[in-house]
Protein backbone atom coordinates (compact mmCIF):
# COMPACT_ATOMS: atom_id res chain seq x y z
CA MET A 1 -42.60 -19.42 -62.47
CA LYS A 2 -38.94 -18.35 -62.80
CA GLY A 3 -39.56 -15.33 -61.23
CA ARG A 4 -40.84 -17.35 -58.20
CA LEU A 5 -38.21 -19.96 -58.25
CA ILE A 6 -35.59 -16.60 -57.49
CA ILE A 7 -37.25 -15.47 -54.84
CA ILE A 8 -37.53 -18.49 -53.24
CA VAL A 9 -33.74 -19.63 -53.85
CA LEU A 10 -32.93 -15.17 -52.62
CA PHE A 11 -35.00 -16.12 -49.14
CA ILE A 12 -32.73 -19.20 -48.56
CA LEU A 13 -29.17 -17.90 -49.07
CA ILE A 14 -30.45 -14.44 -46.87
CA TYR A 15 -30.90 -17.40 -44.49
CA ILE A 16 -28.29 -19.21 -44.54
CA PHE A 17 -26.22 -15.82 -44.48
CA PHE A 18 -27.75 -14.75 -41.79
CA HIS A 19 -28.41 -17.78 -40.12
CA TYR A 20 -23.69 -17.75 -39.90
CA LEU A 21 -24.01 -14.42 -39.86
CA ASN A 22 -25.45 -14.30 -36.08
CA GLY A 23 -24.53 -17.99 -35.13
CA TYR A 24 -20.74 -16.39 -36.08
CA LYS A 25 -21.71 -13.41 -34.06
CA ILE A 26 -22.43 -15.49 -31.23
CA GLN A 27 -19.01 -18.09 -31.41
CA GLN A 28 -17.55 -14.06 -30.63
CA GLY A 29 -19.66 -12.87 -28.20
CA THR A 30 -18.81 -15.98 -26.33
CA GLN A 31 -15.29 -15.60 -26.84
CA LYS A 32 -15.14 -11.85 -24.97
CA ALA A 33 -17.62 -12.81 -22.30
CA SER A 34 -14.96 -16.15 -22.30
CA VAL A 35 -11.85 -13.36 -21.66
CA LEU A 36 -13.70 -11.37 -19.40
CA GLU A 37 -14.86 -13.93 -16.77
CA ALA A 38 -11.20 -15.04 -17.00
CA THR A 39 -9.90 -11.14 -16.31
CA PHE A 40 -12.28 -10.96 -13.37
CA ASN A 41 -11.31 -14.14 -12.24
CA ALA A 42 -7.83 -12.69 -12.40
CA GLU A 43 -8.76 -9.47 -11.01
CA ARG A 44 -10.65 -10.47 -8.16
CA ASN A 45 -7.58 -12.85 -7.04
CA ILE A 46 -5.04 -10.05 -7.08
CA ASN A 47 -7.38 -8.47 -5.01
CA THR A 48 -7.61 -10.70 -1.91
CA GLU A 49 -4.45 -10.90 -2.41
CA LEU A 50 -3.59 -7.70 -2.10
CA LYS A 51 -6.48 -7.67 1.51
CA ILE A 52 -4.98 -10.44 2.92
CA GLU A 53 -1.39 -8.42 2.05
CA HIS A 54 -3.23 -5.29 4.20
CA ASN A 55 -4.45 -6.37 6.57
CA ASP A 56 -1.15 -8.63 7.43
CA LEU A 57 1.00 -4.87 7.10
CA ILE A 58 -1.68 -2.68 9.00
CA SER A 59 -1.81 -5.54 11.93
CA GLY A 60 -0.23 -5.00 15.06
CA ARG A 61 2.33 -7.95 15.22
CA HIS A 62 3.97 -6.46 11.83
CA ILE A 63 3.88 -2.98 13.05
CA SER A 64 5.70 -3.44 16.26
CA SER A 65 8.45 -5.79 14.53
CA LEU A 66 9.01 -2.63 12.32
CA VAL A 67 9.24 0.43 15.07
CA PRO A 68 12.98 -0.98 16.38
CA GLN A 69 14.42 -0.83 12.91
CA GLU A 70 12.61 2.38 11.78
CA MET A 71 13.27 3.35 15.27
CA SER A 72 17.27 2.51 14.62
CA LYS A 73 17.95 4.99 12.78
CA TYR A 74 16.93 7.82 14.67
CA LEU A 75 18.11 6.52 18.68
CA PRO A 76 21.46 5.87 18.86
CA LYS A 77 23.01 2.28 19.13
CA GLU A 78 25.39 3.30 22.19
CA LYS A 79 22.81 5.00 24.68
CA ALA A 80 25.06 5.43 27.88
CA GLY A 81 27.69 8.60 26.13
CA ASN A 82 24.10 10.48 25.03
CA VAL A 83 22.44 11.85 28.01
CA ILE A 84 20.05 15.07 28.30
CA TYR A 85 20.18 17.05 31.75
CA ILE A 86 17.41 19.71 32.24
CA GLN A 87 17.94 21.58 35.24
CA GLU A 88 15.06 23.17 36.52
CA SER A 89 16.24 26.95 37.63
CA GLU A 90 15.78 27.23 42.05
CA PRO A 91 13.49 29.43 43.57
CA GLN A 92 16.06 31.67 44.68
CA GLN A 93 17.01 32.02 40.74
CA LYS A 94 15.94 34.20 38.00
CA GLU A 95 13.02 32.02 36.51
CA GLN A 96 14.47 32.24 32.84
CA THR A 97 17.45 30.66 33.35
CA TYR A 98 18.43 26.64 32.79
CA CYS A 99 20.70 24.82 31.84
CA ILE A 100 20.64 21.67 28.44
CA ILE A 101 23.09 19.69 28.24
CA ASP A 102 24.10 18.43 24.95
CA LEU A 103 23.68 14.56 23.95
CA ILE A 104 26.84 13.78 23.56
CA THR A 105 28.09 14.52 26.72
CA PRO A 106 28.53 12.53 28.96
CA LYS A 107 27.05 12.46 32.63
CA ALA A 108 30.45 13.00 34.41
CA GLU A 109 31.07 15.72 31.76
CA ALA A 110 27.10 16.67 32.48
CA LEU A 111 27.50 17.69 36.36
CA THR A 112 30.87 19.18 36.21
CA THR A 113 29.65 21.31 33.56
CA ILE A 114 26.03 22.20 35.74
CA GLU A 115 28.07 23.15 38.79
CA THR A 116 30.90 25.61 37.49
CA ASP A 117 28.14 27.35 35.83
């Protein structure tokens, strides 16, 4: 009788142990799932914001607003003194001769330069 009582008590203790162990694992899994869900929602919000920002950046309005800023680095502010003249060869001249005037030559100098050559 003592043996049966010890076996029954042992089974009850094992049942209680596994019951609480299972509850603990369920609790840990729920906490991990909650953390993963919060992380997923945060990443999804960040992704949505980045998509909106990307769409704004590739919009025609944004690109057209950037063109003057970027081109100001390459184009001079004063365009009056920067004239390019390319003179095509006339039929009586040789085919391989032409004249390119430098960018910084004003219009009056370019005309006199062409006439003296």
